[in-house]
PDB file of all heavy atoms in Angstrom:
ATOM      1  N   SER A   1      10.178  -4.241   6.143  1.00  0.00           N
ATOM      2  CA  SER A   1      10.817  -3.067   5.584  1.00  0.00           C
ATOM      3  C   SER A   1       9.926  -1.830   5.584  1.00  0.00           C
ATOM      4  O   SER A   1      10.427  -0.711   5.443  1.00  0.00           O
ATOM      5  CB  SER A   1      11.292  -3.351   4.156  1.00  0.00           C
ATOM      6  OG  SER A   1      10.209  -3.739   3.332  1.00  0.00           O
ATOM      7  N   VAL A   2       8.617  -2.018   5.734  1.00  0.00           N
ATOM      8  CA  VAL A   2       7.702  -0.881   5.668  1.00  0.00           C
ATOM      9  C   VAL A   2       6.889  -0.693   6.941  1.00  0.00           C
ATOM     10  O   VAL A   2       6.117   0.266   7.034  1.00  0.00           O
ATOM     11  CB  VAL A   2       6.749  -0.993   4.460  1.00  0.00           C
ATOM     12  CG1 VAL A   2       7.533  -1.194   3.174  1.00  0.00           C
ATOM     13  CG2 VAL A   2       5.739  -2.118   4.658  1.00  0.00           C
ATOM     14  N   LYS A   3       7.050  -1.566   7.912  1.00  0.00           N
ATOM     15  CA  LYS A   3       6.295  -1.444   9.155  1.00  0.00           C
ATOM     16  C   LYS A   3       6.552  -0.102   9.817  1.00  0.00           C
ATOM     17  O   LYS A   3       7.683   0.356   9.918  1.00  0.00           O
ATOM     18  CB  LYS A   3       6.667  -2.572  10.116  1.00  0.00           C
ATOM     19  CG  LYS A   3       6.073  -3.916   9.768  1.00  0.00           C
ATOM     20  CD  LYS A   3       6.479  -4.977  10.782  1.00  0.00           C
ATOM     21  CE  LYS A   3       5.873  -6.323  10.435  1.00  0.00           C
ATOM     22  NZ  LYS A   3       6.316  -7.378  11.373  1.00  0.00           N
ATOM     23  N   GLY A   4       5.480   0.507  10.266  1.00  0.00           N
ATOM     24  CA  GLY A   4       5.573   1.799  10.914  1.00  0.00           C
ATOM     25  C   GLY A   4       5.582   2.963   9.960  1.00  0.00           C
ATOM     26  O   GLY A   4       5.454   4.114  10.395  1.00  0.00           O
ATOM     27  N   ARG A   5       5.736   2.698   8.674  1.00  0.00           N
ATOM     28  CA  ARG A   5       5.775   3.760   7.680  1.00  0.00           C
ATOM     29  C   ARG A   5       4.611   3.699   6.706  1.00  0.00           C
ATOM     30  O   ARG A   5       4.147   4.743   6.241  1.00  0.00           O
ATOM     31  CB  ARG A   5       7.086   3.712   6.891  1.00  0.00           C
ATOM     32  CG  ARG A   5       8.328   3.874   7.755  1.00  0.00           C
ATOM     33  CD  ARG A   5       9.582   4.028   6.906  1.00  0.00           C
ATOM     34  NE  ARG A   5       9.841   2.842   6.095  1.00  0.00           N
ATOM     35  CZ  ARG A   5       9.875   2.838   4.761  1.00  0.00           C
ATOM     36  NH1 ARG A   5       9.667   3.956   4.082  1.00  0.00           N
ATOM     37  NH2 ARG A   5      10.129   1.711   4.101  1.00  0.00           N
ATOM     38  N   PHE A   6       4.158   2.495   6.378  1.00  0.00           N
ATOM     39  CA  PHE A   6       3.071   2.313   5.416  1.00  0.00           C
ATOM     40  C   PHE A   6       1.807   1.879   6.142  1.00  0.00           C
ATOM     41  O   PHE A   6       1.863   1.141   7.136  1.00  0.00           O
ATOM     42  CB  PHE A   6       3.423   1.236   4.385  1.00  0.00           C
ATOM     43  CG  PHE A   6       4.500   1.613   3.398  1.00  0.00           C
ATOM     44  CD1 PHE A   6       5.300   2.733   3.585  1.00  0.00           C
ATOM     45  CD2 PHE A   6       4.706   0.825   2.282  1.00  0.00           C
ATOM     46  CE1 PHE A   6       6.295   3.064   2.671  1.00  0.00           C
ATOM     47  CE2 PHE A   6       5.692   1.141   1.359  1.00  0.00           C
ATOM     48  CZ  PHE A   6       6.488   2.258   1.552  1.00  0.00           C
ATOM     49  N   THR A   7       0.668   2.308   5.627  1.00  0.00           N
ATOM     50  CA  THR A   7      -0.620   1.910   6.170  1.00  0.00           C
ATOM     51  C   THR A   7      -1.550   1.525   5.032  1.00  0.00           C
ATOM     52  O   THR A   7      -1.742   2.305   4.095  1.00  0.00           O
ATOM     53  CB  THR A   7      -1.262   3.039   6.990  1.00  0.00           C
ATOM     54  OG1 THR A   7      -0.383   3.426   8.054  1.00  0.00           O
ATOM     55  CG2 THR A   7      -2.579   2.573   7.588  1.00  0.00           C
ATOM     56  N   ILE A   8      -2.117   0.340   5.114  1.00  0.00           N
ATOM     57  CA  ILE A   8      -3.082  -0.110   4.122  1.00  0.00           C
ATOM     58  C   ILE A   8      -4.482   0.054   4.700  1.00  0.00           C
ATOM     59  O   ILE A   8      -4.710  -0.210   5.879  1.00  0.00           O
ATOM     60  CB  ILE A   8      -2.808  -1.568   3.694  1.00  0.00           C
ATOM     61  CG1 ILE A   8      -3.680  -1.963   2.504  1.00  0.00           C
ATOM     62  CG2 ILE A   8      -2.964  -2.538   4.853  1.00  0.00           C
ATOM     63  CD1 ILE A   8      -3.264  -3.282   1.859  1.00  0.00           C
ATOM     64  N   SER A   9      -5.414   0.491   3.874  1.00  0.00           N
ATOM     65  CA  SER A   9      -6.769   0.732   4.353  1.00  0.00           C
ATOM     66  C   SER A   9      -7.761   0.586   3.214  1.00  0.00           C
ATOM     67  O   SER A   9      -7.392   0.594   2.039  1.00  0.00           O
ATOM     68  CB  SER A   9      -6.887   2.125   4.983  1.00  0.00           C
ATOM     69  OG  SER A   9      -6.617   3.138   4.029  1.00  0.00           O
ATOM     70  N   ARG A  10      -9.016   0.441   3.586  1.00  0.00           N
ATOM     71  CA  ARG A  10     -10.114   0.327   2.624  1.00  0.00           C
ATOM     72  C   ARG A  10     -10.994   1.553   2.691  1.00  0.00           C
ATOM     73  O   ARG A  10     -11.198   2.139   3.754  1.00  0.00           O
ATOM     74  CB  ARG A  10     -10.991  -0.889   2.913  1.00  0.00           C
ATOM     75  CG  ARG A  10     -10.354  -2.233   2.820  1.00  0.00           C
ATOM     76  CD  ARG A  10     -11.443  -3.309   2.915  1.00  0.00           C
ATOM     77  NE  ARG A  10     -11.444  -4.132   1.725  1.00  0.00           N
ATOM     78  CZ  ARG A  10     -10.804  -5.299   1.638  1.00  0.00           C
ATOM     79  NH1 ARG A  10     -10.126  -5.770   2.677  1.00  0.00           N
ATOM     80  NH2 ARG A  10     -10.852  -5.971   0.505  1.00  0.00           N
ATOM     81  N   ASP A  11     -11.545   1.923   1.542  1.00  0.00           N
ATOM     82  CA  ASP A  11     -12.597   2.916   1.529  1.00  0.00           C
ATOM     83  C   ASP A  11     -13.847   2.257   2.094  1.00  0.00           C
ATOM     84  O   ASP A  11     -14.220   1.168   1.662  1.00  0.00           O
ATOM     85  CB  ASP A  11     -12.854   3.409   0.107  1.00  0.00           C
ATOM     86  CG  ASP A  11     -13.813   4.570   0.057  1.00  0.00           C
ATOM     87  OD1 ASP A  11     -14.994   4.381   0.397  1.00  0.00           O
ATOM     88  OD2 ASP A  11     -13.390   5.671  -0.327  1.00  0.00           O
ATOM     89  N   PRO A  12     -14.523   2.908   3.042  1.00  0.00           N
ATOM     90  CA  PRO A  12     -15.678   2.259   3.667  1.00  0.00           C
ATOM     91  C   PRO A  12     -16.866   2.060   2.742  1.00  0.00           C
ATOM     92  O   PRO A  12     -17.751   1.257   3.050  1.00  0.00           O
ATOM     93  CB  PRO A  12     -16.030   3.208   4.823  1.00  0.00           C
ATOM     94  CG  PRO A  12     -15.498   4.537   4.392  1.00  0.00           C
ATOM     95  CD  PRO A  12     -14.250   4.227   3.626  1.00  0.00           C
ATOM     96  N   ALA A  13     -16.912   2.767   1.620  1.00  0.00           N
ATOM     97  CA  ALA A  13     -18.074   2.704   0.743  1.00  0.00           C
ATOM     98  C   ALA A  13     -17.757   2.328  -0.696  1.00  0.00           C
ATOM     99  O   ALA A  13     -18.668   2.182  -1.500  1.00  0.00           O
ATOM    100  CB  ALA A  13     -18.809   4.038   0.761  1.00  0.00           C
ATOM    101  N   LYS A  14     -16.480   2.165  -1.031  1.00  0.00           N
ATOM    102  CA  LYS A  14     -16.093   1.876  -2.399  1.00  0.00           C
ATOM    103  C   LYS A  14     -15.100   0.730  -2.440  1.00  0.00           C
ATOM    104  O   LYS A  14     -14.456   0.415  -1.447  1.00  0.00           O
ATOM    105  CB  LYS A  14     -15.482   3.112  -3.063  1.00  0.00           C
ATOM    106  CG  LYS A  14     -16.411   4.311  -3.123  1.00  0.00           C
ATOM    107  CD  LYS A  14     -15.721   5.500  -3.760  1.00  0.00           C
ATOM    108  CE  LYS A  14     -16.636   6.706  -3.810  1.00  0.00           C
ATOM    109  NZ  LYS A  14     -15.957   7.887  -4.416  1.00  0.00           N
ATOM    110  N   THR A  15     -14.970   0.121  -3.608  1.00  0.00           N
ATOM    111  CA  THR A  15     -13.999  -0.960  -3.796  1.00  0.00           C
ATOM    112  C   THR A  15     -12.633  -0.365  -4.127  1.00  0.00           C
ATOM    113  O   THR A  15     -12.095  -0.557  -5.221  1.00  0.00           O
ATOM    114  CB  THR A  15     -14.464  -1.924  -4.881  1.00  0.00           C
ATOM    115  OG1 THR A  15     -14.733  -1.199  -6.087  1.00  0.00           O
ATOM    116  CG2 THR A  15     -15.717  -2.665  -4.437  1.00  0.00           C
ATOM    117  N   ILE A  16     -12.108   0.345  -3.169  1.00  0.00           N
ATOM    118  CA  ILE A  16     -10.807   0.986  -3.305  1.00  0.00           C
ATOM    119  C   ILE A  16      -9.976   0.671  -2.077  1.00  0.00           C
ATOM    120  O   ILE A  16     -10.474   0.749  -0.950  1.00  0.00           O
ATOM    121  CB  ILE A  16     -10.933   2.512  -3.473  1.00  0.00           C
ATOM    122  CG1 ILE A  16     -11.739   2.868  -4.723  1.00  0.00           C
ATOM    123  CG2 ILE A  16      -9.560   3.166  -3.543  1.00  0.00           C
ATOM    124  CD1 ILE A  16     -11.995   4.348  -4.885  1.00  0.00           C
ATOM    125  N   VAL A  17      -8.732   0.328  -2.298  1.00  0.00           N
ATOM    126  CA  VAL A  17      -7.777   0.089  -1.228  1.00  0.00           C
ATOM    127  C   VAL A  17      -6.634   1.068  -1.384  1.00  0.00           C
ATOM    128  O   VAL A  17      -6.153   1.300  -2.496  1.00  0.00           O
ATOM    129  CB  VAL A  17      -7.276  -1.365  -1.236  1.00  0.00           C
ATOM    130  CG1 VAL A  17      -6.188  -1.562  -0.183  1.00  0.00           C
ATOM    131  CG2 VAL A  17      -8.430  -2.325  -0.970  1.00  0.00           C
ATOM    132  N   TYR A  18      -6.195   1.622  -0.270  1.00  0.00           N
ATOM    133  CA  TYR A  18      -5.148   2.627  -0.275  1.00  0.00           C
ATOM    134  C   TYR A  18      -3.882   2.099   0.379  1.00  0.00           C
ATOM    135  O   TYR A  18      -3.920   1.206   1.228  1.00  0.00           O
ATOM    136  CB  TYR A  18      -5.601   3.875   0.477  1.00  0.00           C
ATOM    137  CG  TYR A  18      -6.834   4.523  -0.089  1.00  0.00           C
ATOM    138  CD1 TYR A  18      -8.084   4.280   0.468  1.00  0.00           C
ATOM    139  CD2 TYR A  18      -6.752   5.370  -1.182  1.00  0.00           C
ATOM    140  CE1 TYR A  18      -9.221   4.865  -0.046  1.00  0.00           C
ATOM    141  CE2 TYR A  18      -7.876   5.964  -1.709  1.00  0.00           C
ATOM    142  CZ  TYR A  18      -9.111   5.716  -1.136  1.00  0.00           C
ATOM    143  OH  TYR A  18     -10.233   6.303  -1.655  1.00  0.00           O
ATOM    144  N   LEU A  19      -2.776   2.666  -0.019  1.00  0.00           N
ATOM    145  CA  LEU A  19      -1.513   2.431   0.653  1.00  0.00           C
ATOM    146  C   LEU A  19      -0.902   3.791   0.939  1.00  0.00           C
ATOM    147  O   LEU A  19      -0.390   4.454   0.033  1.00  0.00           O
ATOM    148  CB  LEU A  19      -0.568   1.579  -0.194  1.00  0.00           C
ATOM    149  CG  LEU A  19       0.747   1.198   0.488  1.00  0.00           C
ATOM    150  CD1 LEU A  19       0.489   0.233   1.642  1.00  0.00           C
ATOM    151  CD2 LEU A  19       1.719   0.584  -0.507  1.00  0.00           C
ATOM    152  N   GLN A  20      -0.987   4.210   2.192  1.00  0.00           N
ATOM    153  CA  GLN A  20      -0.373   5.456   2.612  1.00  0.00           C
ATOM    154  C   GLN A  20       1.076   5.186   2.968  1.00  0.00           C
ATOM    155  O   GLN A  20       1.363   4.335   3.810  1.00  0.00           O
ATOM    156  CB  GLN A  20      -1.120   6.050   3.804  1.00  0.00           C
ATOM    157  CG  GLN A  20      -0.547   7.379   4.272  1.00  0.00           C
ATOM    158  CD  GLN A  20      -1.290   7.947   5.455  1.00  0.00           C
ATOM    159  OE1 GLN A  20      -2.382   7.498   5.796  1.00  0.00           O
ATOM    160  NE2 GLN A  20      -0.712   8.945   6.091  1.00  0.00           N
ATOM    161  N   MET A  21       1.970   5.893   2.330  1.00  0.00           N
ATOM    162  CA  MET A  21       3.396   5.676   2.501  1.00  0.00           C
ATOM    163  C   MET A  21       4.013   6.948   3.069  1.00  0.00           C
ATOM    164  O   MET A  21       3.982   8.005   2.434  1.00  0.00           O
ATOM    165  CB  MET A  21       4.049   5.303   1.172  1.00  0.00           C
ATOM    166  CG  MET A  21       3.391   4.117   0.478  1.00  0.00           C
ATOM    167  SD  MET A  21       4.243   3.637  -1.052  1.00  0.00           S
ATOM    168  CE  MET A  21       3.957   5.102  -2.049  1.00  0.00           C
ATOM    169  N   ASN A  22       4.568   6.830   4.253  1.00  0.00           N
ATOM    170  CA  ASN A  22       5.218   7.952   4.918  1.00  0.00           C
ATOM    171  C   ASN A  22       6.701   7.680   5.090  1.00  0.00           C
ATOM    172  O   ASN A  22       7.142   6.529   5.069  1.00  0.00           O
ATOM    173  CB  ASN A  22       4.581   8.197   6.290  1.00  0.00           C
ATOM    174  CG  ASN A  22       3.124   8.569   6.210  1.00  0.00           C
ATOM    175  OD1 ASN A  22       2.707   9.310   5.319  1.00  0.00           O
ATOM    176  ND2 ASN A  22       2.331   8.077   7.156  1.00  0.00           N
ATOM    177  N   ASN A  23       7.446   8.748   5.297  1.00  0.00           N
ATOM    178  CA  ASN A  23       8.891   8.639   5.516  1.00  0.00           C
ATOM    179  C   ASN A  23       9.538   7.746   4.467  1.00  0.00           C
ATOM    180  O   ASN A  23      10.250   6.792   4.780  1.00  0.00           O
ATOM    181  CB  ASN A  23       9.179   8.117   6.922  1.00  0.00           C
ATOM    182  CG  ASN A  23      10.646   8.226   7.297  1.00  0.00           C
ATOM    183  OD1 ASN A  23      11.389   9.045   6.755  1.00  0.00           O
ATOM    184  ND2 ASN A  23      11.087   7.382   8.233  1.00  0.00           N
ATOM    185  N   LEU A  24       9.306   8.069   3.235  1.00  0.00           N
ATOM    186  CA  LEU A  24       9.806   7.238   2.146  1.00  0.00           C
ATOM    187  C   LEU A  24      11.322   7.279   2.043  1.00  0.00           C
ATOM    188  O   LEU A  24      11.949   8.313   2.277  1.00  0.00           O
ATOM    189  CB  LEU A  24       9.178   7.685   0.834  1.00  0.00           C
ATOM    190  CG  LEU A  24       7.715   7.263   0.663  1.00  0.00           C
ATOM    191  CD1 LEU A  24       7.033   8.107  -0.403  1.00  0.00           C
ATOM    192  CD2 LEU A  24       7.632   5.780   0.313  1.00  0.00           C
ATOM    193  N   HIS A  25      11.878   6.136   1.703  1.00  0.00           N
ATOM    194  CA  HIS A  25      13.316   5.973   1.518  1.00  0.00           C
ATOM    195  C   HIS A  25      13.623   5.749   0.052  1.00  0.00           C
ATOM    196  O   HIS A  25      12.772   5.279  -0.703  1.00  0.00           O
ATOM    197  CB  HIS A  25      13.826   4.755   2.299  1.00  0.00           C
ATOM    198  CG  HIS A  25      13.506   4.771   3.758  1.00  0.00           C
ATOM    199  ND1 HIS A  25      13.547   3.625   4.517  1.00  0.00           N
ATOM    200  CD2 HIS A  25      13.159   5.772   4.599  1.00  0.00           C
ATOM    201  CE1 HIS A  25      13.236   3.915   5.765  1.00  0.00           C
ATOM    202  NE2 HIS A  25      12.989   5.222   5.833  1.00  0.00           N
ATOM    203  N   PRO A  26      14.840   6.045  -0.380  1.00  0.00           N
ATOM    204  CA  PRO A  26      15.214   5.698  -1.750  1.00  0.00           C
ATOM    205  C   PRO A  26      15.003   4.222  -2.065  1.00  0.00           C
ATOM    206  O   PRO A  26      14.677   3.870  -3.198  1.00  0.00           O
ATOM    207  CB  PRO A  26      16.700   6.078  -1.818  1.00  0.00           C
ATOM    208  CG  PRO A  26      16.819   7.213  -0.854  1.00  0.00           C
ATOM    209  CD  PRO A  26      15.888   6.847   0.281  1.00  0.00           C
ATOM    210  N   ALA A  27      15.164   3.356  -1.055  1.00  0.00           N
ATOM    211  CA  ALA A  27      14.958   1.929  -1.251  1.00  0.00           C
ATOM    212  C   ALA A  27      13.503   1.575  -1.536  1.00  0.00           C
ATOM    213  O   ALA A  27      13.217   0.447  -1.951  1.00  0.00           O
ATOM    214  CB  ALA A  27      15.451   1.153  -0.030  1.00  0.00           C
ATOM    215  N   ASP A  28      12.596   2.503  -1.303  1.00  0.00           N
ATOM    216  CA  ASP A  28      11.190   2.271  -1.616  1.00  0.00           C
ATOM    217  C   ASP A  28      10.891   2.479  -3.092  1.00  0.00           C
ATOM    218  O   ASP A  28       9.764   2.229  -3.535  1.00  0.00           O
ATOM    219  CB  ASP A  28      10.295   3.193  -0.789  1.00  0.00           C
ATOM    220  CG  ASP A  28      10.373   2.911   0.698  1.00  0.00           C
ATOM    221  OD1 ASP A  28      10.397   1.722   1.083  1.00  0.00           O
ATOM    222  OD2 ASP A  28      10.405   3.887   1.473  1.00  0.00           O
ATOM    223  N   THR A  29      11.860   2.949  -3.835  1.00  0.00           N
ATOM    224  CA  THR A  29      11.677   3.163  -5.264  1.00  0.00           C
ATOM    225  C   THR A  29      11.375   1.835  -5.949  1.00  0.00           C
ATOM    226  O   THR A  29      12.147   0.885  -5.851  1.00  0.00           O
ATOM    227  CB  THR A  29      12.924   3.796  -5.886  1.00  0.00           C
ATOM    228  OG1 THR A  29      13.116   5.098  -5.324  1.00  0.00           O
ATOM    229  CG2 THR A  29      12.780   3.927  -7.394  1.00  0.00           C
ATOM    230  N   ALA A  30      10.246   1.776  -6.621  1.00  0.00           N
ATOM    231  CA  ALA A  30       9.800   0.535  -7.247  1.00  0.00           C
ATOM    232  C   ALA A  30       8.508   0.809  -7.999  1.00  0.00           C
ATOM    233  O   ALA A  30       7.901   1.873  -7.870  1.00  0.00           O
ATOM    234  CB  ALA A  30       9.571  -0.559  -6.201  1.00  0.00           C
ATOM    235  N   VAL A  31       8.101  -0.175  -8.769  1.00  0.00           N
ATOM    236  CA  VAL A  31       6.759  -0.180  -9.313  1.00  0.00           C
ATOM    237  C   VAL A  31       5.873  -0.907  -8.321  1.00  0.00           C
ATOM    238  O   VAL A  31       6.187  -2.021  -7.903  1.00  0.00           O
ATOM    239  CB  VAL A  31       6.696  -0.856 -10.692  1.00  0.00           C
ATOM    240  CG1 VAL A  31       5.261  -0.898 -11.207  1.00  0.00           C
ATOM    241  CG2 VAL A  31       7.584  -0.120 -11.684  1.00  0.00           C
ATOM    242  N   TYR A  32       4.790  -0.283  -7.954  1.00  0.00           N
ATOM    243  CA  TYR A  32       3.875  -0.845  -6.972  1.00  0.00           C
ATOM    244  C   TYR A  32       2.642  -1.399  -7.676  1.00  0.00           C
ATOM    245  O   TYR A  32       2.045  -0.729  -8.527  1.00  0.00           O
ATOM    246  CB  TYR A  32       3.467   0.215  -5.951  1.00  0.00           C
ATOM    247  CG  TYR A  32       4.555   0.519  -4.955  1.00  0.00           C
ATOM    248  CD1 TYR A  32       5.692   1.213  -5.341  1.00  0.00           C
ATOM    249  CD2 TYR A  32       4.461   0.086  -3.630  1.00  0.00           C
ATOM    250  CE1 TYR A  32       6.711   1.474  -4.439  1.00  0.00           C
ATOM    251  CE2 TYR A  32       5.467   0.346  -2.724  1.00  0.00           C
ATOM    252  CZ  TYR A  32       6.593   1.043  -3.129  1.00  0.00           C
ATOM    253  OH  TYR A  32       7.594   1.297  -2.222  1.00  0.00           O
ATOM    254  N   TYR A  33       2.266  -2.613  -7.302  1.00  0.00           N
ATOM    255  CA  TYR A  33       1.157  -3.317  -7.917  1.00  0.00           C
ATOM    256  C   TYR A  33       0.132  -3.713  -6.864  1.00  0.00           C
ATOM    257  O   TYR A  33       0.501  -4.117  -5.762  1.00  0.00           O
ATOM    258  CB  TYR A  33       1.621  -4.609  -8.593  1.00  0.00           C
ATOM    259  CG  TYR A  33       2.652  -4.446  -9.681  1.00  0.00           C
ATOM    260  CD1 TYR A  33       4.011  -4.445  -9.382  1.00  0.00           C
ATOM    261  CD2 TYR A  33       2.270  -4.320 -11.009  1.00  0.00           C
ATOM    262  CE1 TYR A  33       4.961  -4.310 -10.373  1.00  0.00           C
ATOM    263  CE2 TYR A  33       3.210  -4.186 -12.009  1.00  0.00           C
ATOM    264  CZ  TYR A  33       4.558  -4.184 -11.685  1.00  0.00           C
ATOM    265  OH  TYR A  33       5.491  -4.058 -12.686  1.00  0.00           O
ATOM    266  N   CYS A  34      -1.137  -3.657  -7.224  1.00  0.00           N
ATOM    267  CA  CYS A  34      -2.139  -4.260  -6.362  1.00  0.00           C
ATOM    268  C   CYS A  34      -2.458  -5.655  -6.876  1.00  0.00           C
ATOM    269  O   CYS A  34      -2.348  -5.947  -8.073  1.00  0.00           O
ATOM    270  CB  CYS A  34      -3.398  -3.404  -6.237  1.00  0.00           C
ATOM    271  SG  CYS A  34      -4.206  -2.927  -7.772  1.00  0.00           S
ATOM    272  N   ASN A  35      -2.830  -6.504  -5.949  1.00  0.00           N
ATOM    273  CA  ASN A  35      -3.010  -7.922  -6.219  1.00  0.00           C
ATOM    274  C   ASN A  35      -4.288  -8.410  -5.559  1.00  0.00           C
ATOM    275  O   ASN A  35      -4.522  -8.158  -4.386  1.00  0.00           O
ATOM    276  CB  ASN A  35      -1.803  -8.702  -5.681  1.00  0.00           C
ATOM    277  CG  ASN A  35      -2.050 -10.187  -5.543  1.00  0.00           C
ATOM    278  OD1 ASN A  35      -2.635 -10.638  -4.556  1.00  0.00           O
ATOM    279  ND2 ASN A  35      -1.601 -10.953  -6.526  1.00  0.00           N
ATOM    280  N   LEU A  36      -5.085  -9.129  -6.327  1.00  0.00           N
ATOM    281  CA  LEU A  36      -6.280  -9.768  -5.804  1.00  0.00           C
ATOM    282  C   LEU A  36      -6.150 -11.256  -6.066  1.00  0.00           C
ATOM    283  O   LEU A  36      -6.058 -11.677  -7.221  1.00  0.00           O
ATOM    284  CB  LEU A  36      -7.537  -9.197  -6.461  1.00  0.00           C
ATOM    285  CG  LEU A  36      -8.878  -9.510  -5.794  1.00  0.00           C
ATOM    286  CD1 LEU A  36      -9.909  -8.465  -6.193  1.00  0.00           C
ATOM    287  CD2 LEU A  36      -9.376 -10.898  -6.170  1.00  0.00           C
ATOM    288  N   PRO A  37      -6.123 -12.067  -5.035  1.00  0.00           N
ATOM    289  CA  PRO A  37      -5.855 -13.491  -5.230  1.00  0.00           C
ATOM    290  C   PRO A  37      -7.038 -14.241  -5.813  1.00  0.00           C
ATOM    291  O   PRO A  37      -8.199 -13.890  -5.608  1.00  0.00           O
ATOM    292  CB  PRO A  37      -5.545 -13.978  -3.809  1.00  0.00           C
ATOM    293  CG  PRO A  37      -6.323 -13.062  -2.926  1.00  0.00           C
ATOM    294  CD  PRO A  37      -6.262 -11.722  -3.607  1.00  0.00           C
ATOM    295  N   THR A  38      -6.700 -15.292  -6.542  1.00  0.00           N
ATOM    296  CA  THR A  38      -7.702 -16.205  -7.070  1.00  0.00           C
ATOM    297  C   THR A  38      -7.810 -17.466  -6.241  1.00  0.00           C
ATOM    298  O   THR A  38      -8.702 -18.275  -6.462  1.00  0.00           O
ATOM    299  CB  THR A  38      -7.381 -16.603  -8.519  1.00  0.00           C
ATOM    300  OG1 THR A  38      -6.112 -17.268  -8.565  1.00  0.00           O
ATOM    301  CG2 THR A  38      -7.339 -15.376  -9.422  1.00  0.00           C
ATOM    302  N   GLY A  39      -6.878 -17.626  -5.298  1.00  0.00           N
ATOM    303  CA  GLY A  39      -6.862 -18.810  -4.468  1.00  0.00           C
ATOM    304  C   GLY A  39      -5.969 -19.910  -4.982  1.00  0.00           C
ATOM    305  O   GLY A  39      -5.933 -20.990  -4.388  1.00  0.00           O
TER     306      GLY A  39
END
């Protein structure tokens, strides 16, 4: 649903991850959460 519109990336020097969202649709309306797995 987000291929070609969203891009995930890391800051090269910090513990920060970004989600660039382009061409947003009304269907993209949501609460967005980041997740770090425990395994």
